[in-house]
Protein backbone atom coordinates (compact mmCIF):
# COMPACT_ATOMS: atom_id res chain seq x y z
CA UNK A 1 0.00 0.00 0.00
CA UNK A 2 2.76 2.42 0.94
CA UNK A 3 4.59 1.63 -2.30
CA UNK A 4 1.44 2.34 -4.31
CA UNK A 5 0.94 5.70 -2.56
CA UNK A 6 4.59 6.64 -3.11
CA UNK A 7 4.35 5.83 -6.82
CA UNK A 8 1.15 7.82 -7.13
CA UNK A 9 2.77 10.85 -5.47
CA UNK A 10 5.81 10.51 -7.74
CA UNK A 11 3.61 10.51 -10.83
CA UNK A 12 1.78 13.59 -9.58
CA UNK A 13 4.98 15.47 -8.83
CA UNK A 14 6.85 14.57 -12.02
CA UNK A 15 5.07 17.11 -14.26
CA UNK A 16 5.82 19.88 -11.76
CA UNK A 17 9.48 18.88 -11.59
CA UNK A 18 9.73 18.82 -15.36
CA UNK A 19 8.06 22.21 -15.60
CA UNK A 20 10.89 23.68 -13.55
CA UNK A 21 13.53 22.59 -16.08
CA UNK A 22 14.81 25.61 -18.03
CA UNK A 23 14.26 25.83 -21.77
CA UNK A 24 17.53 25.33 -23.63
CA UNK A 25 18.39 27.58 -26.56
CA UNK A 26 21.03 25.83 -28.66
CA UNK A 27 23.21 28.02 -30.87
CA UNK A 28 24.38 26.53 -34.18
CA UNK A 29 26.65 28.81 -36.15
CA UNK A 30 30.09 30.10 -37.01
CA UNK A 31 32.78 32.28 -35.43
CA UNK A 32 30.62 35.40 -35.27
CA UNK A 33 28.43 33.57 -32.72
CA UNK A 34 30.94 31.20 -31.07
CA UNK A 35 32.58 31.29 -27.66
CA UNK A 36 36.32 32.01 -27.91
CA UNK A 37 39.43 30.42 -26.49
CA UNK A 38 41.64 32.48 -24.18
CA UNK A 39 44.34 32.86 -26.84
CA UNK A 40 41.82 34.54 -29.18
CA UNK A 41 40.66 37.23 -26.75
CA UNK A 42 39.48 39.94 -26.95
CA UNK A 43 37.69 38.40 -29.98
CA UNK A 44 34.16 37.64 -28.82
CA UNK A 45 31.19 35.87 -30.36
CA UNK A 46 27.81 37.53 -29.92
CA UNK A 47 26.37 34.27 -28.61
CA UNK A 48 28.50 34.74 -25.49
CA UNK A 49 26.34 37.73 -24.50
CA UNK A 50 22.95 36.11 -25.00
CA UNK A 51 22.58 34.42 -21.60
CA UNK A 52 22.77 37.70 -19.69
CA UNK A 53 19.52 38.81 -21.35
CA UNK A 54 17.54 35.87 -19.95
CA UNK A 55 16.41 34.68 -16.56
CA UNK A 56 18.91 31.82 -16.12
CA UNK A 57 16.36 29.81 -14.15
CA UNK A 58 14.03 29.80 -17.14
CA UNK A 59 16.32 29.81 -20.20
CA UNK A 60 19.76 28.27 -20.65
CA UNK A 61 22.00 29.08 -23.63
CA UNK A 62 24.04 26.15 -24.97
CA UNK A 63 26.49 27.55 -27.52
CA UNK A 64 27.62 24.98 -30.11
CA UNK A 65 28.80 27.55 -32.68
CA UNK A 66 32.37 27.03 -33.90
CA UNK A 67 34.93 29.12 -35.77
CA UNK A 68 35.24 28.42 -39.48
CA UNK A 69 32.15 26.25 -39.84
CA UNK A 70 29.63 26.28 -42.65
CA UNK A 71 26.36 24.37 -42.75
CA UNK A 72 28.20 21.61 -44.61
CA UNK A 73 31.09 21.19 -42.17
CA UNK A 74 28.85 21.61 -39.13
CA UNK A 75 26.94 18.56 -40.32
CA UNK A 76 29.99 16.59 -41.51
CA UNK A 77 31.76 16.98 -38.15
CA UNK A 78 28.67 15.74 -36.28
CA UNK A 79 28.26 19.06 -34.52
CA UNK A 80 24.65 19.21 -35.66
CA UNK A 81 24.03 15.68 -34.40
CA UNK A 82 25.43 16.71 -31.00
CA UNK A 83 22.64 19.28 -30.74
CA UNK A 84 19.95 16.82 -31.84
CA UNK A 85 21.13 14.30 -29.26
CA UNK A 86 20.47 16.80 -26.46
CA UNK A 87 17.41 18.52 -27.92
CA UNK A 88 14.14 18.17 -25.99
CA UNK A 89 10.57 19.12 -26.78
CA UNK A 90 10.09 22.82 -26.04
CA UNK A 91 13.72 23.79 -26.66
CA UNK A 92 14.89 26.24 -29.34
CA UNK A 93 17.71 26.11 -31.89
CA UNK A 94 19.08 29.39 -33.26
CA UNK A 95 20.72 28.68 -36.64
CA UNK A 96 23.08 31.25 -38.17
CA UNK A 97 25.44 30.40 -41.00
CA UNK A 98 26.57 32.09 -44.21
CA UNK A 99 29.99 33.62 -43.62
CA UNK A 100 31.85 30.42 -44.44
CA UNK A 101 29.27 28.90 -46.75
CA UNK A 102 29.71 31.89 -49.07
CA UNK A 103 33.53 31.81 -49.03
CA UNK A 104 34.09 30.29 -52.46
CA UNK A 105 37.88 30.65 -52.20
CA UNK A 106 37.92 28.45 -49.07
CA UNK A 107 37.14 25.04 -50.51
CA UNK A 108 37.29 23.34 -47.10
CA UNK A 109 34.11 25.13 -46.02
CA UNK A 110 32.38 26.55 -49.10
CA UNK A 111 28.79 25.41 -49.61
CA UNK A 112 27.05 26.09 -52.94
CA UNK A 113 23.77 28.02 -52.60
CA UNK A 114 21.57 25.02 -53.45
CA UNK A 115 23.32 22.89 -50.80
CA UNK A 116 23.10 25.72 -48.28
CA UNK A 117 19.34 25.84 -48.81
CA UNK A 118 19.06 22.05 -48.48
CA UNK A 119 21.03 22.14 -45.23
CA UNK A 120 18.78 24.85 -43.77
CA UNK A 121 15.73 22.80 -44.70
CA UNK A 122 17.29 19.78 -43.02
CA UNK A 123 17.97 21.79 -39.85
CA UNK A 124 14.39 23.05 -39.71
CA UNK A 125 12.86 19.62 -40.32
CA UNK A 126 15.00 17.80 -37.78
CA UNK A 127 14.42 20.37 -35.04
CA UNK A 128 10.67 20.23 -35.60
CA UNK A 129 10.76 16.43 -35.55
CA UNK A 130 12.01 16.74 -31.98
CA UNK A 131 9.04 19.05 -31.16
CA UNK A 132 11.46 21.91 -30.65
CA UNK A 133 11.47 25.34 -32.32
CA UNK A 134 13.95 26.33 -35.05
CA UNK A 135 14.82 30.00 -35.47
CA UNK A 136 16.73 31.06 -38.59
CA UNK A 137 19.14 33.98 -38.48
CA UNK A 138 20.71 35.72 -41.44
CA UNK A 139 24.50 36.24 -41.17
CA UNK A 140 25.72 39.39 -39.48
CA UNK A 141 27.39 41.97 -41.69
CA UNK A 142 31.12 42.27 -42.16
CA UNK A 143 32.48 45.79 -41.80
CA UNK A 144 32.81 46.93 -45.42
CA UNK A 145 33.05 50.56 -46.58
CA UNK A 146 34.29 51.66 -50.00
CA UNK A 147 36.76 54.49 -50.67
CA UNK A 148 33.89 56.99 -50.48
CA UNK A 149 32.75 55.70 -47.10
CA UNK A 150 29.69 53.94 -48.50
CA UNK A 151 28.78 50.67 -46.81
CA UNK A 152 28.42 47.52 -48.95
CA UNK A 153 27.56 43.86 -48.37
CA UNK A 154 29.77 40.85 -49.16
CA UNK A 155 27.42 37.90 -48.57
CA UNK A 156 25.89 37.53 -52.02
CA UNK A 157 22.73 35.42 -52.31
CA UNK A 158 23.04 33.67 -48.94
CA UNK A 159 21.01 36.03 -46.70
CA UNK A 160 18.10 35.93 -49.15
CA UNK A 161 18.18 32.13 -49.12
CA UNK A 162 17.68 32.21 -45.35
CA UNK A 163 14.79 34.65 -45.73
CA UNK A 164 13.10 32.52 -48.37
CA UNK A 165 13.45 29.30 -46.37
CA UNK A 166 12.04 31.03 -43.28
CA UNK A 167 9.06 32.34 -45.26
CA UNK A 168 8.37 29.05 -47.04
CA UNK A 169 8.66 26.94 -43.90
CA UNK A 170 6.96 29.50 -41.63
CA UNK A 171 10.00 29.64 -39.37
CA UNK A 172 10.77 32.62 -37.14
CA UNK A 173 13.46 34.79 -38.74
CA UNK A 174 15.88 37.07 -36.92
CA UNK A 175 17.33 39.24 -39.66
CA UNK A 176 20.76 40.01 -38.22
CA UNK A 177 21.97 40.92 -41.70
CA UNK A 178 19.70 43.94 -42.10
CA UNK A 179 19.81 44.92 -38.44
CA UNK A 180 23.60 44.89 -38.26
CA UNK A 181 23.82 46.87 -41.50
CA UNK A 182 21.77 49.65 -39.95
CA UNK A 183 24.05 49.70 -36.92
CA UNK A 184 27.26 49.82 -38.98
CA UNK A 185 25.92 52.59 -41.20
CA UNK A 186 24.83 54.54 -38.12
CA UNK A 187 28.25 54.16 -36.52
CA UNK A 188 30.06 55.07 -39.72
CA UNK A 189 33.56 54.32 -41.01
CA UNK A 190 35.53 55.18 -37.88
CA UNK A 191 33.19 54.42 -34.96
CA UNK A 192 32.32 51.02 -36.42
CA UNK A 193 35.92 49.91 -35.88
CA UNK A 194 35.15 49.73 -32.16
CA UNK A 195 32.73 46.87 -32.82
CA UNK A 196 35.35 44.65 -34.43
CA UNK A 197 38.69 43.09 -33.57
CA UNK A 198 40.82 46.14 -34.33
CA UNK A 199 44.01 46.43 -32.28
CA UNK A 200 47.22 48.38 -32.72
CA UNK A 201 50.62 46.66 -32.44
CA UNK A 202 51.45 46.04 -28.79
CA UNK A 203 47.91 46.79 -27.60
CA UNK A 204 47.16 43.18 -26.63
CA UNK A 205 49.46 40.26 -25.84
CA UNK A 206 47.50 37.90 -28.09
CA UNK A 207 48.14 40.15 -31.10
CA UNK A 208 51.63 41.64 -30.71
CA UNK A 209 51.64 42.79 -34.35
CA UNK A 210 48.12 44.21 -34.06
CA UNK A 211 45.07 43.03 -35.97
CA UNK A 212 42.66 44.58 -38.47
CA UNK A 213 39.71 42.19 -38.50
CA UNK A 214 36.42 43.36 -40.01
CA UNK A 215 34.55 40.08 -39.47
CA UNK A 216 35.02 39.15 -35.81
CA UNK A 217 33.77 41.21 -32.93
CA UNK A 218 35.27 43.03 -30.00
CA UNK A 219 33.42 42.50 -26.70
CA UNK A 220 31.53 45.71 -27.41
CA UNK A 221 30.54 44.55 -30.89
CA UNK A 222 29.40 41.17 -29.60
CA UNK A 223 27.27 42.90 -26.98
CA UNK A 224 25.66 45.09 -29.61
CA UNK A 225 24.91 42.15 -31.91
CA UNK A 226 23.40 40.11 -29.09
CA UNK A 227 21.22 43.11 -28.33
CA UNK A 228 19.96 43.10 -31.91
CA UNK A 229 18.95 39.43 -31.64
CA UNK A 230 17.15 40.13 -28.37
CA UNK A 231 15.39 43.10 -29.95
CA UNK A 232 13.99 40.82 -32.65
CA UNK A 233 12.92 38.20 -30.11
CA UNK A 234 10.81 40.89 -28.49
CA UNK A 235 9.51 42.39 -31.72
CA UNK A 236 8.49 39.00 -33.12
CA UNK A 237 6.98 37.96 -29.79
CA UNK A 238 8.77 34.62 -29.73
CA UNK A 239 7.82 32.39 -26.83
CA UNK A 240 11.20 33.15 -25.28
CA UNK A 241 10.36 36.85 -25.00
CA UNK A 242 8.57 36.43 -21.67
CA UNK A 243 11.82 35.27 -20.09
CA UNK A 244 13.86 38.28 -21.20
CA UNK A 245 15.16 40.73 -18.66
CA UNK A 246 14.37 44.44 -18.93
CA UNK A 247 15.46 45.89 -22.28
CA UNK A 248 18.78 47.71 -22.54
CA UNK A 249 19.95 49.72 -25.54
CA UNK A 250 23.46 48.70 -26.63
CA UNK A 251 23.69 49.91 -30.22
CA UNK A 252 24.47 53.62 -29.88
CA UNK A 253 27.87 55.06 -30.85
CA UNK A 254 27.91 57.35 -27.82
CA UNK A 255 28.12 54.29 -25.56
CA UNK A 256 31.32 52.97 -27.14
CA UNK A 257 34.32 52.88 -24.84
CA UNK A 258 37.49 52.56 -26.90
CA UNK A 259 39.57 52.02 -23.81
CA UNK A 260 37.79 48.79 -22.83
CA UNK A 261 39.17 46.56 -25.57
């Protein structure tokens, strides 16, 4: 009798215990999103700043993004399978690729547009099969200004492929491509340098010769980009929005501290 009562109580309590488990947001992407090793600092992926926007008791960020990966290599190296193996019903997967897929000169990672589209469709289908929610993100902009100071894009057809797949499959889209363009144009040629890994010779021990990187972010740039993603989560009223902390603006040039790099 006691055993029966104990089992009945356990069955009653299980749903409440499960309800307390935080939602996991898995990040699948490239170096612009990835967590960095100590020897790469102050390079910072914007995914590293995402957790601070959420109530950690409700939402947990699990960052699987890796430097140099395209949709093709992320699958081939079983990094995608690692996410699927941990994915539970009710979780989210944020998927952002394009930088490496579009790099035709880098044959180890290049993914033709038709294969890129097929990989995105695969990601969406496999996440939904697990009763989880896929969210597609367009690639963030590289810092590109011509000799007249006019901003231009270098991603070709890839951002539009993401948009089309999101529309066709009715998947939530966070358009980091367009949002980050607006930020870079607002900052302008000089101020935008503060968002990227731009260091003079001798400024940091990891880069004794200095570095002029217009793809990877400084801590400040990563913070700004994470803020853009959070802004879209709110605007699109994703289910995760209710777990966000109070909004903070992080995309204004006046807030840049050049001495913090």
